[in-house]
Protein backbone atom coordinates (compact mmCIF):
# COMPACT_ATOMS: atom_id res chain seq x y z
CA SER A 1 32.18 -7.31 21.29
CA ASN A 2 32.51 -10.56 22.83
CA GLU A 3 35.70 -11.41 21.69
CA VAL A 4 38.75 -11.84 24.03
CA PRO A 5 41.10 -8.72 24.31
CA PRO A 6 44.07 -8.77 22.27
CA ALA A 7 47.35 -10.25 24.20
CA GLU A 8 49.15 -7.37 22.21
CA ASN A 9 49.00 -4.00 20.74
CA TRP A 10 50.54 -2.85 17.90
CA ARG A 11 51.25 0.87 16.77
CA ILE A 12 52.83 2.72 13.89
CA PHE A 13 56.47 3.71 15.03
CA ARG A 14 57.48 4.99 11.99
CA ARG A 15 56.52 5.60 8.13
CA LEU A 16 59.31 5.00 5.86
CA ILE A 17 58.91 7.20 3.16
CA GLY A 18 61.21 6.56 -0.04
CA HIS A 19 59.76 5.05 -2.98
CA ASP A 20 57.49 6.38 -5.76
CA ASN A 21 55.65 3.13 -6.71
CA ASP A 22 54.20 -0.35 -4.86
CA ILE A 23 57.03 -1.87 -2.68
CA GLN A 24 57.41 -5.37 -3.67
CA ASP A 25 59.80 -7.01 -1.23
CA LEU A 26 61.53 -6.33 2.17
CA GLY A 27 64.61 -7.91 3.59
CA TRP A 28 66.42 -7.33 6.87
CA SER A 29 70.33 -8.04 6.87
CA TYR A 30 71.12 -10.59 9.33
CA ASP A 31 72.33 -8.28 12.01
CA SER A 32 69.41 -6.36 11.80
CA SER A 33 71.89 -3.15 10.82
CA ILE A 34 69.98 -2.35 7.66
CA LEU A 35 66.48 -2.96 6.19
CA VAL A 36 66.42 -3.01 2.24
CA SER A 37 63.15 -2.49 0.35
CA VAL A 38 62.75 -2.86 -3.71
CA GLY A 39 59.73 -1.76 -5.62
CA LEU A 40 58.20 -1.05 -9.04
CA ASP A 41 60.13 2.29 -9.24
CA SER A 42 63.39 0.13 -10.01
CA LYS A 43 65.09 1.55 -6.88
CA VAL A 44 66.64 -0.31 -4.05
CA VAL A 45 66.54 2.12 -0.81
CA VAL A 46 68.67 0.71 1.92
CA TRP A 47 67.62 2.05 5.79
CA SER A 48 69.07 2.46 8.89
CA GLY A 49 67.88 -0.74 11.12
CA TYR A 50 68.62 1.32 14.53
CA THR A 51 67.14 5.09 13.40
CA PHE A 52 65.38 3.87 10.45
CA GLU A 53 66.81 6.52 8.31
CA LYS A 54 67.13 6.56 4.84
CA LEU A 55 70.96 5.53 4.08
CA LYS A 56 71.04 5.14 0.34
CA THR A 57 69.12 4.96 -2.45
CA ILE A 58 70.63 2.58 -5.70
CA SER A 59 69.51 3.13 -8.81
CA GLN A 60 71.23 0.28 -10.73
CA HIS A 61 68.20 -1.74 -12.19
CA GLN A 62 66.39 -0.42 -15.12
CA SER A 63 63.11 -1.99 -14.64
CA HIS A 64 60.66 -2.99 -11.48
CA VAL A 65 62.92 -4.81 -8.97
CA LYS A 66 60.76 -7.47 -7.61
CA GLY A 67 63.01 -9.59 -4.83
CA ILE A 68 65.57 -9.00 -2.25
CA THR A 69 67.56 -11.72 -0.23
CA PHE A 70 70.55 -11.32 2.15
CA ASP A 71 73.84 -13.36 2.60
CA PRO A 72 73.67 -15.12 5.83
CA ALA A 73 77.32 -13.98 6.66
CA ASN A 74 76.13 -10.59 6.19
CA LYS A 75 78.73 -9.55 3.19
CA TYR A 76 76.13 -9.23 0.36
CA PHE A 77 72.61 -8.69 -0.63
CA ALA A 78 71.09 -9.89 -4.01
CA THR A 79 68.29 -7.92 -5.83
CA ALA A 80 66.02 -9.51 -8.80
CA SER A 81 64.58 -7.13 -11.43
CA ASP A 82 62.44 -7.11 -14.52
CA ASP A 83 65.19 -6.04 -16.62
CA ARG A 84 66.32 -9.45 -16.23
CA THR A 85 69.38 -9.62 -14.05
CA ILE A 86 70.10 -10.35 -10.72
CA LYS A 87 72.64 -7.55 -8.93
CA ILE A 88 74.91 -8.75 -6.18
CA PHE A 89 75.90 -5.84 -3.71
CA ARG A 90 78.53 -5.59 -1.41
CA PHE A 91 78.15 -4.27 1.84
CA THR A 92 79.79 -3.31 5.62
CA SER A 93 77.27 -2.97 8.23
CA PRO A 94 76.79 0.74 9.28
CA ALA A 95 77.27 1.89 12.80
CA ALA A 96 74.22 2.70 14.77
CA ASN A 97 74.76 6.57 14.54
CA ALA A 98 75.67 6.45 10.79
CA THR A 99 74.25 8.85 8.35
CA ALA A 100 73.70 8.76 4.52
CA HIS A 101 76.59 10.82 4.18
CA ASP A 102 78.81 8.29 5.63
CA GLN A 103 77.47 5.48 3.50
CA ALA A 104 78.52 7.25 -0.22
CA GLY A 105 81.12 4.59 -0.79
CA ASN A 106 79.16 1.78 0.82
CA PHE A 107 76.83 -0.81 -1.24
CA ILE A 108 78.97 -1.51 -4.03
CA LEU A 109 77.81 -3.56 -7.17
CA GLU A 110 79.85 -6.77 -6.99
CA LYS A 111 78.11 -8.83 -9.66
CA SER A 112 75.26 -8.46 -12.49
CA ILE A 113 73.99 -11.72 -13.24
CA ALA A 114 71.94 -12.06 -16.66
CA ALA A 115 72.50 -15.42 -18.27
CA PRO A 116 70.04 -17.63 -16.71
CA PHE A 117 67.31 -14.58 -17.44
CA THR A 118 67.63 -13.56 -21.14
CA THR A 119 64.25 -14.68 -21.89
CA SER A 120 62.64 -15.18 -18.80
CA PRO A 121 58.93 -13.76 -18.92
CA LEU A 122 58.08 -10.44 -17.53
CA THR A 123 54.25 -11.85 -16.36
CA THR A 124 55.29 -12.88 -12.82
CA TYR A 125 54.20 -10.38 -9.97
CA PHE A 126 57.39 -11.13 -7.77
CA ARG A 127 61.05 -12.45 -8.10
CA ARG A 128 61.62 -13.86 -4.87
CA CYS A 129 64.84 -15.10 -4.50
CA SER A 130 66.55 -17.05 -1.57
CA TRP A 131 70.13 -17.65 0.15
CA SER A 132 71.02 -21.10 1.39
CA PRO A 133 71.41 -20.97 5.05
CA GLU A 134 75.34 -22.00 4.55
CA GLY A 135 76.04 -19.16 2.39
CA ASN A 136 76.78 -21.37 -0.93
CA HIS A 137 73.96 -20.53 -3.26
CA ILE A 138 71.13 -18.44 -4.31
CA ALA A 139 68.23 -19.92 -5.48
CA ALA A 140 67.15 -17.65 -8.40
CA ALA A 141 63.03 -17.42 -9.49
CA ASN A 142 62.10 -17.19 -12.98
CA ALA A 143 64.85 -18.10 -14.65
CA VAL A 144 64.95 -19.92 -17.93
CA ASN A 145 66.69 -23.24 -19.62
CA GLY A 146 66.13 -23.19 -23.13
CA PRO A 147 62.39 -22.87 -23.58
CA VAL A 148 61.71 -24.63 -20.24
CA SER A 149 61.05 -22.68 -16.94
CA SER A 150 63.51 -23.27 -14.32
CA VAL A 151 65.10 -21.97 -10.82
CA ALA A 152 68.62 -20.97 -11.30
CA ILE A 153 70.97 -21.95 -8.42
CA ILE A 154 73.63 -19.23 -8.44
CA ASN A 155 77.20 -20.29 -6.85
CA ARG A 156 78.85 -17.72 -4.30
CA GLY A 157 82.17 -16.16 -5.47
CA LYS A 158 81.95 -17.21 -9.25
CA TRP A 159 78.46 -16.23 -9.56
CA GLU A 160 77.73 -19.03 -12.02
CA SER A 161 74.59 -20.85 -12.69
CA GLU A 162 75.63 -24.43 -13.48
CA ILE A 163 72.83 -26.13 -11.74
CA ASN A 164 68.65 -25.98 -12.45
CA LEU A 165 66.08 -27.06 -10.98
CA ILE A 166 63.39 -27.82 -13.86
CA GLY A 167 59.91 -29.08 -13.30
CA HIS A 168 57.59 -26.37 -13.05
CA GLU A 169 55.35 -25.89 -15.82
CA GLY A 170 54.87 -22.21 -15.38
CA PRO A 171 57.31 -19.06 -14.23
CA VAL A 172 58.66 -19.63 -10.57
CA GLU A 173 57.90 -16.57 -8.37
CA VAL A 174 59.46 -17.45 -5.21
CA CYS A 175 62.14 -19.69 -3.79
CA ALA A 176 63.00 -20.36 -0.18
CA PHE A 177 65.53 -22.27 1.71
CA SER A 178 64.92 -23.93 4.66
CA PRO A 179 66.69 -22.44 7.44
CA ARG A 180 68.21 -25.36 8.58
CA LEU A 181 70.91 -27.96 7.58
CA PHE A 182 69.67 -31.66 7.15
CA CYS A 183 71.46 -34.92 8.09
CA LYS A 184 70.37 -38.58 6.72
CA GLU A 185 70.89 -39.93 10.44
CA PRO A 186 69.73 -38.05 13.69
CA THR A 187 72.30 -36.12 15.67
CA THR A 188 73.74 -38.25 18.47
CA ARG A 189 77.03 -38.09 20.59
CA ALA A 190 78.35 -40.58 18.34
CA ASN A 191 78.18 -38.25 15.12
CA VAL A 192 78.97 -34.91 16.81
CA ASP A 193 82.44 -33.54 17.64
CA ALA A 194 83.69 -31.73 20.46
CA LYS A 195 82.63 -28.65 19.15
CA GLY A 196 79.02 -29.47 18.72
CA HIS A 197 79.52 -30.01 14.83
CA THR A 198 78.18 -32.91 13.31
CA VAL A 199 80.48 -35.24 11.38
CA GLN A 200 77.92 -36.06 9.05
CA HIS A 201 77.27 -34.61 5.30
CA SER A 202 74.64 -32.03 5.57
CA VAL A 203 72.28 -30.67 2.80
CA THR A 204 69.90 -28.16 2.30
CA VAL A 205 66.42 -28.03 1.32
CA VAL A 206 64.59 -25.37 -1.03
CA ALA A 207 60.95 -24.98 -1.68
CA CYS A 208 59.78 -23.37 -5.03
CA ALA A 209 56.29 -22.00 -6.14
CA GLY A 210 54.52 -19.82 -8.80
CA HIS A 211 51.91 -19.55 -11.68
CA ASP A 212 51.43 -23.43 -12.08
CA LYS A 213 49.97 -23.29 -8.66
CA THR A 214 52.03 -26.25 -7.77
CA LEU A 215 54.80 -26.51 -4.82
CA SER A 216 58.28 -28.53 -4.99
CA VAL A 217 60.59 -28.95 -2.22
CA TRP A 218 63.81 -30.16 -3.28
CA ASN A 219 66.70 -31.93 -1.44
CA THR A 220 70.21 -30.80 -3.30
CA SER A 221 71.33 -34.21 -2.75
CA PHE A 222 68.62 -35.40 -5.18
CA PRO A 223 68.13 -34.44 -8.77
CA ARG A 224 64.59 -34.53 -8.21
CA PRO A 225 62.23 -33.12 -6.15
CA PHE A 226 60.83 -34.91 -3.21
CA VAL A 227 57.54 -33.46 -2.82
CA VAL A 228 55.15 -31.97 -5.43
CA THR A 229 51.96 -30.81 -4.51
CA ALA A 230 49.92 -29.72 -7.75
CA GLU A 231 46.69 -27.47 -7.86
CA LEU A 232 47.73 -26.57 -4.36
CA THR A 233 45.77 -23.40 -4.70
CA ALA A 234 43.09 -22.01 -7.03
CA LYS A 235 45.60 -19.12 -8.27
CA SER A 236 49.22 -18.28 -8.14
CA ILE A 237 51.39 -19.01 -5.03
CA THR A 238 52.87 -15.59 -4.25
CA ASP A 239 55.35 -16.16 -0.98
CA LEU A 240 56.55 -19.06 1.06
CA ALA A 241 58.26 -18.76 4.27
CA TRP A 242 59.83 -21.57 6.98
CA THR A 243 59.39 -21.81 10.43
CA PRO A 244 62.83 -21.16 12.68
CA ASP A 245 62.88 -25.21 12.96
CA GLY A 246 63.08 -25.65 9.35
CA GLU A 247 59.87 -28.45 9.27
CA THR A 248 57.12 -26.39 8.67
CA LEU A 249 56.25 -24.43 5.47
CA PHE A 250 53.74 -21.70 5.11
CA LEU A 251 52.38 -20.22 1.46
CA SER A 252 50.43 -17.56 0.57
CA SER A 253 48.32 -17.21 -2.87
CA LEU A 254 46.45 -14.71 -4.91
CA ASP A 255 43.17 -16.69 -3.95
CA GLY A 256 43.69 -15.07 -0.57
CA THR A 257 44.28 -18.64 1.17
CA ILE A 258 47.31 -19.23 3.47
CA ALA A 259 48.19 -23.03 3.56
CA ALA A 260 50.74 -24.82 5.97
CA ALA A 261 52.44 -27.63 4.81
CA LYS A 262 53.93 -29.66 7.87
CA PHE A 263 56.54 -32.46 7.44
CA GLU A 264 56.94 -35.46 9.55
CA VAL A 265 59.69 -35.91 11.51
CA GLY A 266 62.76 -37.37 9.42
CA GLU A 267 60.98 -36.74 6.39
CA LEU A 268 63.28 -33.71 4.96
CA GLY A 269 66.04 -35.25 7.14
CA TYR A 270 67.13 -34.57 10.39
CA PRO A 271 68.01 -31.32 11.41
CA ALA A 272 71.88 -30.38 11.92
CA PRO A 273 73.13 -28.42 15.04
CA LEU A 274 73.18 -24.43 14.74
CA GLN A 275 76.49 -24.77 15.16
CA ASP A 276 76.99 -26.22 11.48
CA ASN A 277 75.63 -23.06 10.09
CA GLU A 278 77.89 -21.11 11.79
CA LYS A 279 81.06 -23.42 11.07
CA SER A 280 79.85 -22.85 7.29
CA LEU A 281 79.56 -19.11 7.60
CA SER A 282 82.63 -18.50 9.45
CA LYS A 283 85.13 -19.11 5.99
CA TYR A 284 83.27 -16.33 4.62
CA GLY A 285 84.05 -13.86 7.50
CA ALA A 286 80.79 -14.01 9.26
CA GLY A 287 81.11 -12.17 12.30
CA ARG A 288 84.06 -10.13 11.45
CA ARG A 289 83.68 -6.34 10.50
CA VAL A 290 85.75 -5.52 7.50
CA GLY A 291 88.15 -2.17 7.44
CA VAL A 292 88.09 -1.95 11.41
CA ILE A 293 91.20 -1.99 13.14
CA GLU A 294 90.83 -4.11 16.14
CA GLY A 295 93.31 -4.03 19.45
CA THR A 296 95.85 -1.86 20.69
CA ASP A 297 98.91 -3.78 18.91
CA ALA A 298 97.19 -2.47 15.09
CA LEU A 299 96.92 0.95 16.10
CA LEU A 300 100.65 1.03 17.38
CA LEU A 301 101.85 -0.69 14.37
CA GLU A 302 99.84 2.01 12.43
CA GLU A 303 101.46 4.83 14.72
CA SER A 304 105.20 3.80 14.17
CA SER A 305 104.56 3.31 10.38
CA LYS A 306 103.46 6.85 10.09
CA ALA A 307 106.55 8.05 12.37
CA GLY A 308 109.00 6.19 10.16
CA GLU A 309 107.21 7.92 7.05
CA LEU A 310 107.67 11.20 8.71
CA LYS A 311 111.26 10.88 9.68
CA GLY A 312 111.97 9.61 5.86
CA VAL A 313 110.46 12.89 4.51
CA GLN A 314 112.47 15.29 7.31
CA GLY A 315 115.22 13.55 6.44
CA ARG A 316 115.35 14.25 2.98
CA MET A 317 114.03 17.85 3.83
CA GLY A 318 117.14 18.45 6.19
CA ALA A 319 119.51 17.34 3.53
CA LEU A 320 117.64 19.76 0.88
CA MET A 321 118.55 22.64 3.26
CA GLY A 322 121.68 21.86 4.56
CA ASP A 323 121.19 20.11 7.96
CA GLY A 324 124.16 17.50 8.33
CA GLY A 325 123.54 16.85 11.49
CA SER A 326 120.91 14.08 12.76
CA THR A 327 117.34 14.57 13.21
CA ASN A 328 115.28 14.38 16.30
CA ASP A 329 112.06 12.94 17.53
CA VAL A 330 109.43 14.36 15.16
CA THR A 331 105.69 14.87 15.79
CA VAL A 332 103.44 11.98 15.37
CA ASN A 333 99.43 12.09 16.17
CA GLY A 334 100.01 15.05 18.73
CA ASN A 335 102.95 14.03 20.79
CA ALA A 336 105.51 16.85 20.45
CA GLY A 337 108.89 16.08 19.94
CA GLY A 338 112.00 18.32 19.14
CA VAL A 339 111.68 18.71 15.47
CA HIS A 340 108.50 19.51 13.19
CA THR A 341 108.51 18.79 9.66
CA ASN A 342 107.71 21.81 6.96
CA GLY A 343 104.68 22.78 6.35
CA THR A 344 103.08 21.54 9.51
CA SER A 345 102.18 23.52 12.92
CA ASN A 346 100.84 22.05 16.17
CA TYR A 347 102.25 24.96 18.21
CA THR A 348 99.68 26.28 21.12
CA PRO A 349 100.83 28.77 23.57
CA ALA A 350 101.64 25.90 25.89
CA ALA A 351 103.79 23.83 23.36
CA VAL A 352 105.51 27.14 22.64
CA ALA A 353 106.73 27.61 26.29
CA ALA A 354 107.56 24.02 26.37
CA ASP A 355 109.43 24.27 23.34
CA ALA A 356 111.16 27.45 24.86
CA ALA A 357 111.99 25.71 28.11
CA ASP A 358 113.40 22.42 26.53
CA GLY A 359 115.89 24.64 24.37
CA ALA A 360 116.67 27.49 26.76
CA THR A 361 120.22 26.66 26.47
CA ALA A 362 120.49 25.40 22.70
CA GLY A 363 121.73 28.47 21.46
CA GLN A 364 123.83 29.48 24.56
CA ALA A 365 127.47 28.47 25.14
CA SER A 366 127.83 25.27 27.01
CA THR A 367 131.06 24.33 29.33
CA THR A 368 132.67 21.34 29.16
CA ALA A 369 134.15 18.95 31.83
CA HIS A 370 137.46 20.81 31.41
CA GLY A 371 136.01 24.40 32.15
CA THR A 372 136.24 25.34 28.23
CA VAL A 373 133.47 27.30 26.68
CA THR A 374 132.07 25.97 23.55
CA ASP A 375 129.76 27.58 21.59
CA PRO A 376 127.46 24.73 19.78
CA ASN A 377 126.49 26.99 16.95
CA ASN A 378 130.02 27.84 15.82
CA ALA A 379 130.95 24.24 14.59
CA ARG A 380 127.83 24.17 12.49
CA LEU A 381 128.22 27.69 10.85
CA GLU A 382 131.70 26.83 9.78
CA ARG A 383 130.22 23.81 8.18
CA LEU A 384 127.59 25.83 6.28
CA LYS A 385 129.99 28.32 5.50
CA SER A 386 132.73 26.08 3.85
CA ARG A 387 130.00 24.10 1.99
CA ILE A 388 131.07 23.73 -1.62
CA THR A 389 128.38 23.49 -4.65
CA ILE A 390 129.50 22.91 -8.19
CA THR A 391 127.75 25.41 -11.01
CA LYS A 392 126.00 24.60 -14.26
CA ASP A 393 129.53 25.18 -16.39
CA GLY A 394 131.54 22.56 -13.62
CA LYS A 395 132.98 24.94 -11.33
CA LYS A 396 133.28 24.34 -7.83
CA ARG A 397 131.91 27.64 -5.40
CA ILE A 398 131.50 27.87 -1.93
CA ALA A 399 127.63 28.55 -1.25
CA PRO A 400 126.96 31.88 0.04
CA LEU A 401 125.18 31.98 3.44
CA LEU A 402 122.34 34.50 4.55
CA VAL A 403 123.13 35.68 8.28
CA SER A 404 120.08 37.58 9.94
CA ASN A 405 121.59 41.19 11.23
CA SER A 406 119.51 40.93 14.42
CA SER A 407 120.65 37.71 15.70
CA GLY A 408 123.84 36.81 14.21
CA LEU A 409 123.19 33.19 14.30
CA ALA A 410 119.86 32.42 12.59
CA GLU A 411 120.89 31.80 9.03
CA SER A 412 117.83 31.10 6.26
CA THR A 413 119.26 27.20 5.73
CA LEU A 414 119.31 26.04 9.53
CA PRO A 415 116.14 24.24 10.64
CA ARG A 416 113.35 26.00 12.72
CA PRO A 417 114.41 24.40 16.46
CA GLN A 418 117.32 26.69 16.20
CA LEU A 419 115.39 29.67 15.30
CA MET A 420 112.68 28.79 17.85
CA THR A 421 115.45 28.82 20.62
CA GLY A 422 116.34 32.22 19.69
CA ALA A 423 113.03 33.43 19.71
CA ALA A 424 112.08 31.79 22.75
CA GLN A 425 114.81 33.82 24.58
CA GLY A 426 113.08 36.96 23.68
CA THR A 427 114.49 37.58 20.58
CA LYS A 428 112.99 39.41 17.74
CA ILE A 429 113.34 38.00 14.45
CA ASP A 430 113.38 40.44 11.48
CA ALA A 431 111.78 39.68 8.55
CA PRO A 432 110.09 41.80 5.48
CA GLN A 433 107.38 43.42 7.25
CA THR A 434 106.86 40.78 9.66
CA ILE A 435 108.14 41.27 13.38
CA ILE A 436 107.46 38.42 15.81
CA ASP A 437 107.82 38.35 19.50
CA LEU A 438 107.54 34.96 21.24
CA SER A 439 108.04 36.28 24.62
CA LYS A 440 104.21 37.84 24.27
CA PRO A 441 101.30 35.21 24.50
CA TYR A 442 100.65 33.64 21.46
CA ASP A 443 97.33 35.06 19.74
CA GLY A 444 97.64 34.08 16.18
CA LEU A 445 100.64 34.78 13.48
CA PRO A 446 100.20 36.31 9.96
CA LYS A 447 101.02 33.63 7.12
CA GLY A 448 104.16 34.20 5.02
CA GLY A 449 107.49 35.36 5.50
CA LEU A 450 109.83 34.22 8.29
CA ALA A 451 106.79 33.09 10.36
CA ALA A 452 105.56 30.61 7.60
CA LEU A 453 109.27 29.23 7.82
CA ILE A 454 109.24 28.91 11.95
CA PHE A 455 105.52 27.73 12.26
CA GLY A 456 104.59 26.29 8.89
CA ASN A 457 101.74 27.25 6.77
CA LYS A 458 98.69 26.09 8.67
CA ARG A 459 96.26 24.14 6.17
């Protein structure tokens, strides 16, 4: 042909197959981490914005789903359905390598709103709702106020609809907030603070259209629309889209036409700086990841908390097993100390060798400054031998002490480090049907018996 060659060439990158019927609406999250599609199969399908893999299929609606809108603070999205509800879903932005398994607990139903739609007609092709740019409101299409068609304005947080936009004769199929906030006066240095935020009161602008072929544009500071264009198209208006500057509106119709409504400068108001949008969204936590530990201070705090818990557990266990001495350091997140809590084992061949080197003299006699030879185990054994218990009938008895025949020191009520010391010196520890020699390379130990007492049962 004689036409000018195209400036851009587009090709299909990926086909997303997940719906069983027509897809009615699509929506991107504001950080582009997910894409959500809704359709006549009553499903809401969440796709990864990085890999385009299907992350989750939500089947909460009971009828056709005809609209999707995202919270600009990136915490929620809302879906509108012919089951006469709008459902608000809370989510956390998935990572680039997230899988469907990772998202099992994500995308939780926060609220189901039914009050403004109890008698809404089921004749609309779409129910395209829209979230305001500062995050405060949702404009919900195809609502009713008594016998009259309306647009319900749903407040964030309480999710109540106390305000209705009334004026259309037929059901409203689509609502669209302008992406900018507007002020009554132009933005100048006099009415902008040091951070670039305007000191004026800003308002939002929303456009509505539907079955009655009429476009209405509302400013939230007035109770009536300031623009109404009747019979703008020959058939129902199906969709609306604003340009990023917020002052030109495109609309599409079932008669096959696309129209553009361009507003004069100052007709809608004067666009506020984009910093105003960010300031409004910051109070809803925009830009912050929920549930993610940030910085080393939080990690150290978590680790010290775990260490405190383990010390408390070990102290109670030592008291139950007759260990009257003070407890040593515990093993926390791979840092080996002198004592390992019961039921856990982080021993490797290197750890066993290090433990043997550290405790090589723990079970041997030590020499004091005056030359007197003392055995640190004797005092402990004496304490255990003289331990007094009270029987059920109230009589006092000295608790019996089981002493191993081979080591002469390893009694069943002593904690593991002392047993490990004797074993590290090449002493064989006798147990029923179990013989362990720790001077040999570690190649796995049988479960149960005294081995379980020394090393703990592995999970």
